[in-house]
N, C-alpha and C. Protein backbone atom coordinates (compact mmCIF):
# COMPACT_ATOMS: atom_id res chain seq x y z
N LYS A 1 0.84 -1.17 0.00
CA LYS A 1 0.00 0.00 0.00
C LYS A 1 0.89 1.24 0.00
N ILE A 2 0.47 2.25 -0.74
CA ILE A 2 1.23 3.49 -0.85
C ILE A 2 0.33 4.67 -0.52
N TRP A 3 0.83 5.55 0.36
CA TRP A 3 0.11 6.77 0.69
C TRP A 3 1.01 7.96 0.43
N THR A 4 0.41 9.07 -0.01
CA THR A 4 1.18 10.32 -0.16
C THR A 4 0.38 11.44 0.49
N TYR A 5 1.12 12.44 0.97
CA TYR A 5 0.50 13.63 1.57
C TYR A 5 1.39 14.81 1.22
N GLU A 6 0.80 15.84 0.63
CA GLU A 6 1.58 17.00 0.21
C GLU A 6 1.20 18.21 1.04
N GLU A 7 2.23 18.90 1.55
CA GLU A 7 2.01 20.14 2.28
C GLU A 7 3.14 21.09 1.91
N GLY A 8 2.79 22.22 1.31
CA GLY A 8 3.82 23.15 0.83
C GLY A 8 4.65 22.48 -0.24
N ASP A 9 5.98 22.56 -0.11
CA ASP A 9 6.84 21.93 -1.12
C ASP A 9 7.42 20.60 -0.61
N VAL A 10 6.77 20.02 0.40
CA VAL A 10 7.22 18.73 0.93
C VAL A 10 6.15 17.68 0.68
N LEU A 11 6.58 16.57 0.12
CA LEU A 11 5.70 15.45 -0.13
C LEU A 11 6.07 14.34 0.85
N SER A 12 5.11 13.88 1.63
CA SER A 12 5.36 12.77 2.55
C SER A 12 4.84 11.49 1.91
N LEU A 13 5.64 10.46 2.02
CA LEU A 13 5.35 9.19 1.37
C LEU A 13 5.40 8.09 2.42
N LYS A 14 4.43 7.17 2.37
CA LYS A 14 4.44 6.00 3.23
C LYS A 14 4.15 4.79 2.37
N VAL A 15 5.01 3.77 2.50
CA VAL A 15 4.82 2.52 1.78
C VAL A 15 4.74 1.41 2.83
N GLU A 16 3.69 0.62 2.78
CA GLU A 16 3.51 -0.47 3.75
C GLU A 16 3.64 -1.80 3.03
N MET A 17 4.49 -2.68 3.59
CA MET A 17 4.73 -3.99 2.97
C MET A 17 4.56 -5.08 4.02
N GLU A 18 3.86 -6.14 3.68
CA GLU A 18 3.76 -7.29 4.57
C GLU A 18 4.72 -8.35 4.05
N VAL A 19 5.65 -8.76 4.92
CA VAL A 19 6.67 -9.73 4.50
C VAL A 19 6.67 -10.96 5.40
N LYS A 20 7.07 -12.07 4.81
CA LYS A 20 7.04 -13.35 5.51
C LYS A 20 8.42 -13.66 6.11
N VAL A 21 8.90 -12.76 6.94
CA VAL A 21 10.13 -12.99 7.71
C VAL A 21 9.90 -12.39 9.11
N PRO A 22 10.60 -12.93 10.12
CA PRO A 22 10.45 -12.35 11.46
C PRO A 22 10.92 -10.89 11.48
N SER A 23 10.33 -10.08 12.34
CA SER A 23 10.65 -8.65 12.40
C SER A 23 12.13 -8.40 12.71
N HIS A 24 12.73 -9.22 13.57
CA HIS A 24 14.15 -9.00 13.91
C HIS A 24 15.05 -9.21 12.70
N LEU A 25 14.67 -10.13 11.79
CA LEU A 25 15.46 -10.37 10.58
C LEU A 25 15.30 -9.20 9.60
N ALA A 26 14.07 -8.73 9.42
CA ALA A 26 13.83 -7.57 8.54
C ALA A 26 14.62 -6.37 9.07
N PHE A 27 14.61 -6.17 10.37
CA PHE A 27 15.35 -5.06 10.99
C PHE A 27 16.85 -5.19 10.72
N SER A 28 17.38 -6.37 10.89
CA SER A 28 18.81 -6.60 10.68
C SER A 28 19.21 -6.32 9.22
N LEU A 29 18.40 -6.79 8.29
CA LEU A 29 18.71 -6.62 6.86
C LEU A 29 18.53 -5.16 6.41
N LEU A 30 17.47 -4.50 6.88
CA LEU A 30 17.20 -3.13 6.44
C LEU A 30 18.09 -2.09 7.12
N SER A 31 18.60 -2.39 8.29
CA SER A 31 19.43 -1.41 8.99
C SER A 31 20.87 -1.38 8.46
N ASP A 32 21.26 -2.38 7.66
CA ASP A 32 22.59 -2.37 7.03
C ASP A 32 22.44 -1.79 5.63
N PHE A 33 22.69 -0.49 5.50
CA PHE A 33 22.46 0.20 4.23
C PHE A 33 23.40 -0.26 3.13
N THR A 34 24.52 -0.93 3.47
CA THR A 34 25.41 -1.43 2.42
C THR A 34 24.74 -2.56 1.63
N LEU A 35 23.68 -3.15 2.18
CA LEU A 35 22.93 -4.20 1.48
C LEU A 35 21.86 -3.62 0.56
N ARG A 36 21.59 -2.36 0.70
CA ARG A 36 20.45 -1.76 -0.01
C ARG A 36 20.62 -1.77 -1.53
N GLN A 37 21.84 -1.75 -2.02
CA GLN A 37 22.08 -1.79 -3.47
C GLN A 37 21.52 -3.07 -4.08
N GLN A 38 21.35 -4.11 -3.26
CA GLN A 38 20.83 -5.38 -3.76
C GLN A 38 19.36 -5.30 -4.16
N TRP A 39 18.64 -4.30 -3.62
CA TRP A 39 17.23 -4.21 -3.95
C TRP A 39 16.75 -2.83 -4.37
N ASP A 40 17.54 -1.79 -4.14
CA ASP A 40 17.10 -0.43 -4.46
C ASP A 40 17.97 0.14 -5.58
N LYS A 41 17.38 0.25 -6.79
CA LYS A 41 18.15 0.72 -7.95
C LYS A 41 18.56 2.19 -7.83
N HIS A 42 18.04 2.91 -6.82
CA HIS A 42 18.43 4.30 -6.61
C HIS A 42 19.75 4.41 -5.85
N PHE A 43 20.26 3.29 -5.36
CA PHE A 43 21.55 3.26 -4.66
C PHE A 43 22.60 2.69 -5.61
N LEU A 44 23.47 3.55 -6.11
CA LEU A 44 24.55 3.10 -6.97
C LEU A 44 25.70 2.57 -6.11
N THR A 45 26.13 3.38 -5.14
CA THR A 45 27.16 2.96 -4.19
C THR A 45 26.71 3.36 -2.79
N CYS A 46 27.27 2.67 -1.81
CA CYS A 46 26.98 2.99 -0.41
C CYS A 46 28.17 2.54 0.43
N GLU A 47 28.77 3.49 1.13
CA GLU A 47 29.90 3.13 1.99
C GLU A 47 29.73 3.76 3.37
N ILE A 48 30.19 3.03 4.37
CA ILE A 48 30.15 3.56 5.73
C ILE A 48 31.31 4.53 5.89
N LEU A 49 30.99 5.77 6.26
CA LEU A 49 32.03 6.77 6.50
C LEU A 49 32.47 6.75 7.96
N GLN A 50 31.50 6.50 8.85
CA GLN A 50 31.81 6.54 10.27
C GLN A 50 30.79 5.73 11.05
N ALA A 51 31.27 4.85 11.92
CA ALA A 51 30.38 4.15 12.85
C ALA A 51 30.38 5.00 14.12
N VAL A 52 29.32 5.77 14.32
CA VAL A 52 29.24 6.67 15.46
C VAL A 52 29.20 5.85 16.74
N ASN A 53 28.35 4.84 16.76
CA ASN A 53 28.27 3.86 17.84
C ASN A 53 27.58 2.63 17.28
N GLU A 54 27.21 1.69 18.15
CA GLU A 54 26.61 0.44 17.69
C GLU A 54 25.29 0.66 16.94
N ASP A 55 24.57 1.73 17.29
CA ASP A 55 23.25 1.96 16.71
C ASP A 55 23.20 3.07 15.66
N GLU A 56 24.32 3.74 15.41
CA GLU A 56 24.30 4.86 14.47
C GLU A 56 25.54 4.83 13.57
N LYS A 57 25.26 4.97 12.27
CA LYS A 57 26.34 4.99 11.28
C LYS A 57 26.10 6.12 10.29
N ILE A 58 27.19 6.68 9.77
CA ILE A 58 27.09 7.70 8.74
C ILE A 58 27.56 7.06 7.43
N TYR A 59 26.72 7.21 6.40
CA TYR A 59 26.99 6.61 5.09
C TYR A 59 27.13 7.69 4.02
N HIS A 60 27.88 7.35 2.97
CA HIS A 60 27.90 8.17 1.75
C HIS A 60 27.26 7.31 0.67
N ILE A 61 26.24 7.87 0.03
CA ILE A 61 25.48 7.16 -1.00
C ILE A 61 25.55 7.94 -2.30
N THR A 62 25.71 7.23 -3.40
CA THR A 62 25.59 7.87 -4.71
C THR A 62 24.40 7.24 -5.44
N SER A 63 23.74 8.07 -6.24
CA SER A 63 22.59 7.63 -7.02
C SER A 63 22.87 7.87 -8.49
N PRO A 64 22.31 7.03 -9.35
CA PRO A 64 22.56 7.21 -10.78
C PRO A 64 22.00 8.53 -11.29
N PRO A 65 22.59 9.04 -12.37
CA PRO A 65 22.09 10.32 -12.91
C PRO A 65 20.71 10.15 -13.53
N ILE A 66 19.95 11.22 -13.48
CA ILE A 66 18.66 11.27 -14.17
C ILE A 66 18.93 12.06 -15.44
N THR A 67 18.33 11.68 -16.53
CA THR A 67 18.57 12.30 -17.83
C THR A 67 18.81 13.80 -17.72
N GLY A 68 19.97 14.23 -18.21
CA GLY A 68 20.29 15.66 -18.25
C GLY A 68 20.85 16.22 -16.95
N HIS A 69 21.05 15.38 -15.94
CA HIS A 69 21.55 15.86 -14.65
C HIS A 69 22.77 15.06 -14.21
N LYS A 70 23.53 15.65 -13.27
CA LYS A 70 24.67 14.94 -12.67
C LYS A 70 24.13 13.88 -11.71
N PRO A 71 24.93 12.84 -11.44
CA PRO A 71 24.52 11.88 -10.40
C PRO A 71 24.41 12.63 -9.07
N ARG A 72 23.58 12.12 -8.18
CA ARG A 72 23.40 12.75 -6.87
C ARG A 72 24.16 11.96 -5.81
N ASP A 73 24.53 12.67 -4.73
CA ASP A 73 25.10 11.97 -3.59
C ASP A 73 24.47 12.50 -2.31
N PHE A 74 24.55 11.68 -1.29
CA PHE A 74 23.94 11.97 0.01
C PHE A 74 24.92 11.55 1.11
N VAL A 75 24.98 12.31 2.17
CA VAL A 75 25.67 11.89 3.39
C VAL A 75 24.57 11.79 4.44
N ILE A 76 24.35 10.56 4.93
CA ILE A 76 23.21 10.34 5.83
C ILE A 76 23.63 9.69 7.14
N LEU A 77 22.86 9.99 8.17
CA LEU A 77 22.99 9.33 9.46
C LEU A 77 21.85 8.33 9.55
N VAL A 78 22.19 7.08 9.84
CA VAL A 78 21.18 6.05 10.02
C VAL A 78 21.21 5.61 11.48
N SER A 79 20.09 5.82 12.18
CA SER A 79 19.96 5.42 13.58
C SER A 79 18.99 4.27 13.67
N GLN A 80 19.37 3.25 14.40
CA GLN A 80 18.47 2.10 14.54
C GLN A 80 18.15 1.87 16.00
N ARG A 81 16.88 1.51 16.26
CA ARG A 81 16.42 1.27 17.62
C ARG A 81 15.59 -0.01 17.67
N GLN A 82 15.95 -0.87 18.61
CA GLN A 82 15.17 -2.08 18.83
C GLN A 82 14.04 -1.76 19.80
N PRO A 83 12.98 -2.57 19.79
CA PRO A 83 11.87 -2.31 20.71
C PRO A 83 12.33 -2.40 22.17
N CYS A 84 11.79 -1.52 23.01
CA CYS A 84 12.11 -1.56 24.44
C CYS A 84 11.27 -2.62 25.15
N LYS A 85 10.04 -2.82 24.65
CA LYS A 85 9.18 -3.83 25.26
C LYS A 85 8.33 -4.51 24.18
N PRO A 86 7.80 -5.69 24.45
CA PRO A 86 6.99 -6.42 23.47
C PRO A 86 5.86 -5.55 22.92
N GLY A 87 5.60 -5.70 21.63
CA GLY A 87 4.52 -4.95 20.99
C GLY A 87 5.00 -3.65 20.36
N GLU A 88 6.19 -3.18 20.73
CA GLU A 88 6.73 -1.96 20.12
C GLU A 88 7.43 -2.32 18.81
N SER A 89 7.64 -1.32 17.98
CA SER A 89 8.24 -1.56 16.67
C SER A 89 9.74 -1.32 16.68
N TYR A 90 10.40 -1.91 15.67
CA TYR A 90 11.80 -1.59 15.38
C TYR A 90 11.78 -0.30 14.57
N ILE A 91 12.78 0.55 14.76
CA ILE A 91 12.84 1.81 14.02
C ILE A 91 14.22 2.00 13.40
N ILE A 92 14.22 2.42 12.15
CA ILE A 92 15.44 2.81 11.44
C ILE A 92 15.17 4.21 10.91
N ALA A 93 15.87 5.20 11.46
CA ALA A 93 15.65 6.60 11.08
C ALA A 93 16.82 7.10 10.25
N VAL A 94 16.51 7.90 9.22
CA VAL A 94 17.51 8.39 8.28
C VAL A 94 17.36 9.89 8.10
N LYS A 95 18.48 10.62 8.13
CA LYS A 95 18.45 12.04 7.79
C LYS A 95 19.83 12.45 7.31
N SER A 96 19.86 13.46 6.47
CA SER A 96 21.14 13.96 5.96
C SER A 96 21.90 14.69 7.05
N VAL A 97 23.22 14.59 6.99
CA VAL A 97 24.10 15.31 7.92
C VAL A 97 25.23 15.93 7.12
N THR A 98 25.93 16.85 7.75
CA THR A 98 27.12 17.45 7.14
C THR A 98 28.32 16.84 7.83
N LEU A 99 29.29 16.43 7.03
CA LEU A 99 30.50 15.84 7.58
C LEU A 99 31.69 16.54 6.93
N VAL A 100 32.51 17.17 7.75
CA VAL A 100 33.65 17.95 7.25
C VAL A 100 34.56 17.09 6.37
N SER A 101 34.71 15.81 6.73
CA SER A 101 35.59 14.93 5.96
C SER A 101 34.98 14.48 4.62
N MET A 102 33.71 14.87 4.35
CA MET A 102 33.05 14.49 3.10
C MET A 102 32.34 15.70 2.50
N PRO A 103 33.12 16.71 2.04
CA PRO A 103 32.48 17.89 1.45
C PRO A 103 31.86 17.55 0.09
N PRO A 104 30.93 18.38 -0.38
CA PRO A 104 30.35 18.15 -1.71
C PRO A 104 31.45 18.11 -2.78
N SER A 105 31.23 17.28 -3.79
CA SER A 105 32.20 17.13 -4.88
C SER A 105 31.57 17.65 -6.17
N SER A 106 32.39 18.15 -7.08
CA SER A 106 31.88 18.67 -8.36
C SER A 106 31.33 17.54 -9.23
N GLU A 107 31.69 16.31 -8.90
CA GLU A 107 31.25 15.14 -9.65
C GLU A 107 29.76 14.83 -9.42
N TYR A 108 29.25 15.26 -8.25
CA TYR A 108 27.88 14.95 -7.86
C TYR A 108 27.11 16.21 -7.48
N HIS A 109 25.78 16.08 -7.53
CA HIS A 109 24.91 17.12 -6.99
C HIS A 109 24.52 16.64 -5.59
N ARG A 110 25.00 17.32 -4.55
CA ARG A 110 24.71 16.91 -3.17
C ARG A 110 23.23 17.14 -2.87
N SER A 111 22.56 16.11 -2.45
CA SER A 111 21.13 16.17 -2.14
C SER A 111 20.91 15.87 -0.67
N GLU A 112 19.69 16.13 -0.22
CA GLU A 112 19.39 16.03 1.20
C GLU A 112 18.16 15.17 1.46
N ILE A 113 18.25 14.36 2.49
CA ILE A 113 17.09 13.61 2.97
C ILE A 113 16.67 14.27 4.27
N LEU A 114 15.49 14.87 4.27
CA LEU A 114 14.99 15.54 5.47
C LEU A 114 14.72 14.54 6.58
N CYS A 115 13.91 13.56 6.25
CA CYS A 115 13.48 12.59 7.24
C CYS A 115 12.96 11.37 6.49
N ALA A 116 13.52 10.21 6.78
CA ALA A 116 13.09 8.98 6.13
C ALA A 116 13.36 7.82 7.08
N GLY A 117 12.89 6.64 6.71
CA GLY A 117 13.20 5.48 7.53
C GLY A 117 12.17 4.39 7.44
N PHE A 118 12.38 3.41 8.32
CA PHE A 118 11.52 2.23 8.37
C PHE A 118 10.99 2.05 9.78
N GLN A 119 9.77 1.54 9.85
CA GLN A 119 9.20 1.10 11.11
C GLN A 119 8.74 -0.33 10.86
N ILE A 120 9.16 -1.25 11.73
CA ILE A 120 8.90 -2.67 11.50
C ILE A 120 8.11 -3.23 12.67
N TYR A 121 6.92 -3.74 12.36
CA TYR A 121 6.01 -4.29 13.37
C TYR A 121 5.96 -5.81 13.22
N SER A 122 6.03 -6.51 14.32
CA SER A 122 5.91 -7.96 14.30
C SER A 122 4.44 -8.35 14.18
N ASP A 123 4.13 -9.20 13.19
CA ASP A 123 2.76 -9.69 13.03
C ASP A 123 2.62 -11.07 13.68
N SER A 124 3.70 -11.86 13.57
CA SER A 124 3.76 -13.20 14.16
C SER A 124 5.24 -13.56 14.26
N ASN A 125 5.53 -14.80 14.64
CA ASN A 125 6.94 -15.23 14.72
C ASN A 125 7.59 -15.31 13.35
N SER A 126 6.76 -15.38 12.30
CA SER A 126 7.33 -15.57 10.97
C SER A 126 6.94 -14.49 9.95
N SER A 127 6.29 -13.41 10.41
CA SER A 127 5.94 -12.34 9.46
C SER A 127 5.91 -11.00 10.18
N CYS A 128 6.03 -9.95 9.36
CA CYS A 128 6.02 -8.60 9.92
C CYS A 128 5.51 -7.61 8.88
N THR A 129 5.20 -6.41 9.34
CA THR A 129 4.81 -5.32 8.46
C THR A 129 5.94 -4.30 8.48
N VAL A 130 6.43 -3.96 7.30
CA VAL A 130 7.50 -2.97 7.16
C VAL A 130 6.88 -1.72 6.55
N CYS A 131 7.02 -0.59 7.25
CA CYS A 131 6.56 0.69 6.72
C CYS A 131 7.78 1.53 6.39
N TYR A 132 7.81 2.06 5.18
CA TYR A 132 8.87 2.96 4.75
C TYR A 132 8.27 4.36 4.68
N PHE A 133 8.97 5.32 5.27
CA PHE A 133 8.52 6.70 5.26
C PHE A 133 9.58 7.57 4.61
N ASN A 134 9.16 8.64 3.92
CA ASN A 134 10.12 9.60 3.38
C ASN A 134 9.42 10.94 3.22
N GLN A 135 10.05 11.98 3.75
CA GLN A 135 9.60 13.34 3.46
C GLN A 135 10.44 13.78 2.27
N VAL A 136 9.82 13.88 1.14
CA VAL A 136 10.54 14.12 -0.11
C VAL A 136 10.68 15.61 -0.38
N THR A 137 11.92 16.01 -0.64
CA THR A 137 12.22 17.40 -0.98
C THR A 137 12.59 17.47 -2.45
N SER A 138 12.91 18.64 -2.93
CA SER A 138 13.26 18.81 -4.33
C SER A 138 14.49 17.97 -4.72
N GLY A 139 15.38 17.67 -3.77
CA GLY A 139 16.58 16.88 -4.06
C GLY A 139 16.28 15.43 -4.39
N VAL A 140 15.19 14.92 -3.86
CA VAL A 140 14.83 13.52 -4.08
C VAL A 140 13.70 13.42 -5.11
N MET A 141 12.97 14.52 -5.29
CA MET A 141 11.80 14.54 -6.16
C MET A 141 12.04 13.99 -7.57
N PRO A 142 13.19 14.27 -8.23
CA PRO A 142 13.36 13.73 -9.58
C PRO A 142 13.23 12.22 -9.65
N TYR A 143 13.60 11.51 -8.57
CA TYR A 143 13.50 10.06 -8.57
C TYR A 143 12.05 9.59 -8.46
N LEU A 144 11.18 10.45 -7.94
CA LEU A 144 9.78 10.08 -7.77
C LEU A 144 8.87 10.72 -8.80
N ALA A 145 9.33 11.75 -9.48
CA ALA A 145 8.47 12.51 -10.39
C ALA A 145 7.75 11.62 -11.38
N ALA A 146 8.48 10.75 -12.07
CA ALA A 146 7.86 9.87 -13.05
C ALA A 146 6.84 8.95 -12.38
N SER A 147 7.18 8.50 -11.20
CA SER A 147 6.29 7.59 -10.48
C SER A 147 4.97 8.25 -10.16
N LEU A 148 5.02 9.50 -9.74
CA LEU A 148 3.81 10.15 -9.26
C LEU A 148 2.99 10.75 -10.39
N THR A 149 3.62 11.08 -11.52
CA THR A 149 2.88 11.70 -12.60
C THR A 149 2.14 10.68 -13.46
N GLY A 150 2.75 9.53 -13.70
CA GLY A 150 2.08 8.59 -14.58
C GLY A 150 1.78 7.28 -13.91
N SER A 151 2.76 6.76 -13.21
CA SER A 151 2.55 5.46 -12.59
C SER A 151 3.32 5.41 -11.29
N SER A 152 2.73 4.77 -10.33
CA SER A 152 3.45 4.62 -9.07
C SER A 152 4.33 3.38 -9.18
N LYS A 153 4.66 3.04 -10.43
CA LYS A 153 5.41 1.82 -10.74
C LYS A 153 6.79 1.80 -10.10
N SER A 154 7.54 2.91 -10.14
CA SER A 154 8.90 2.90 -9.60
C SER A 154 8.87 2.66 -8.09
N ILE A 155 7.97 3.31 -7.39
CA ILE A 155 7.85 3.12 -5.94
C ILE A 155 7.41 1.68 -5.68
N GLU A 156 6.44 1.23 -6.45
CA GLU A 156 5.94 -0.13 -6.32
C GLU A 156 7.03 -1.15 -6.61
N ASP A 157 7.77 -0.93 -7.69
CA ASP A 157 8.85 -1.85 -8.07
C ASP A 157 9.90 -1.94 -6.97
N THR A 158 10.27 -0.78 -6.40
CA THR A 158 11.26 -0.77 -5.33
C THR A 158 10.73 -1.52 -4.11
N ALA A 159 9.46 -1.31 -3.77
CA ALA A 159 8.85 -2.02 -2.64
C ALA A 159 8.84 -3.53 -2.90
N LEU A 160 8.50 -3.95 -4.11
CA LEU A 160 8.49 -5.36 -4.44
C LEU A 160 9.89 -5.96 -4.37
N GLU A 161 10.89 -5.22 -4.84
CA GLU A 161 12.28 -5.68 -4.74
C GLU A 161 12.71 -5.80 -3.27
N CYS A 162 12.28 -4.85 -2.45
CA CYS A 162 12.58 -4.90 -1.02
C CYS A 162 11.96 -6.16 -0.40
N MET A 163 10.71 -6.43 -0.73
CA MET A 163 10.03 -7.62 -0.19
C MET A 163 10.74 -8.90 -0.63
N LYS A 164 11.12 -8.97 -1.91
CA LYS A 164 11.84 -10.16 -2.42
C LYS A 164 13.16 -10.33 -1.68
N PHE A 165 13.88 -9.23 -1.48
CA PHE A 165 15.17 -9.27 -0.78
C PHE A 165 14.98 -9.80 0.65
N LEU A 166 13.96 -9.30 1.35
CA LEU A 166 13.74 -9.71 2.74
C LEU A 166 13.31 -11.18 2.85
N GLU A 167 12.51 -11.62 1.89
CA GLU A 167 11.99 -13.00 1.95
C GLU A 167 12.98 -13.98 1.34
């Protein structure tokens, strides 16, 4: 299921996926962003720049160019949280950060992720619901523009690839 909500120049997106894997496994696979290239065609490269602590890492991501534009890059902080008590969800939160050791390069157009991530709810011992959220800004909009104007196919395709990867 896909939901969108637009307010001002920010588009909020929610994608809900039901997968046949335990929630702890989905959390483990989705919180390692170096694995994301296996299912998300918007990730060309992904490297860990800094492990802040056990639950937070800073990554540098590059995305393929969109016709007529330079490839984009992102420096993001990924924070992961396990449930504190039964019934709570796993959370993977993502936002862009500035890192002095990784200044913008002329090779890429530096883009920003305002707020994105996953929330993973356990449905049973062998299945879970994965919700992906993203507040889309103009830096990410080109990747969604085609999806939202004619077909939600790109978002759908990425969600289906994510589900296949998890299962």
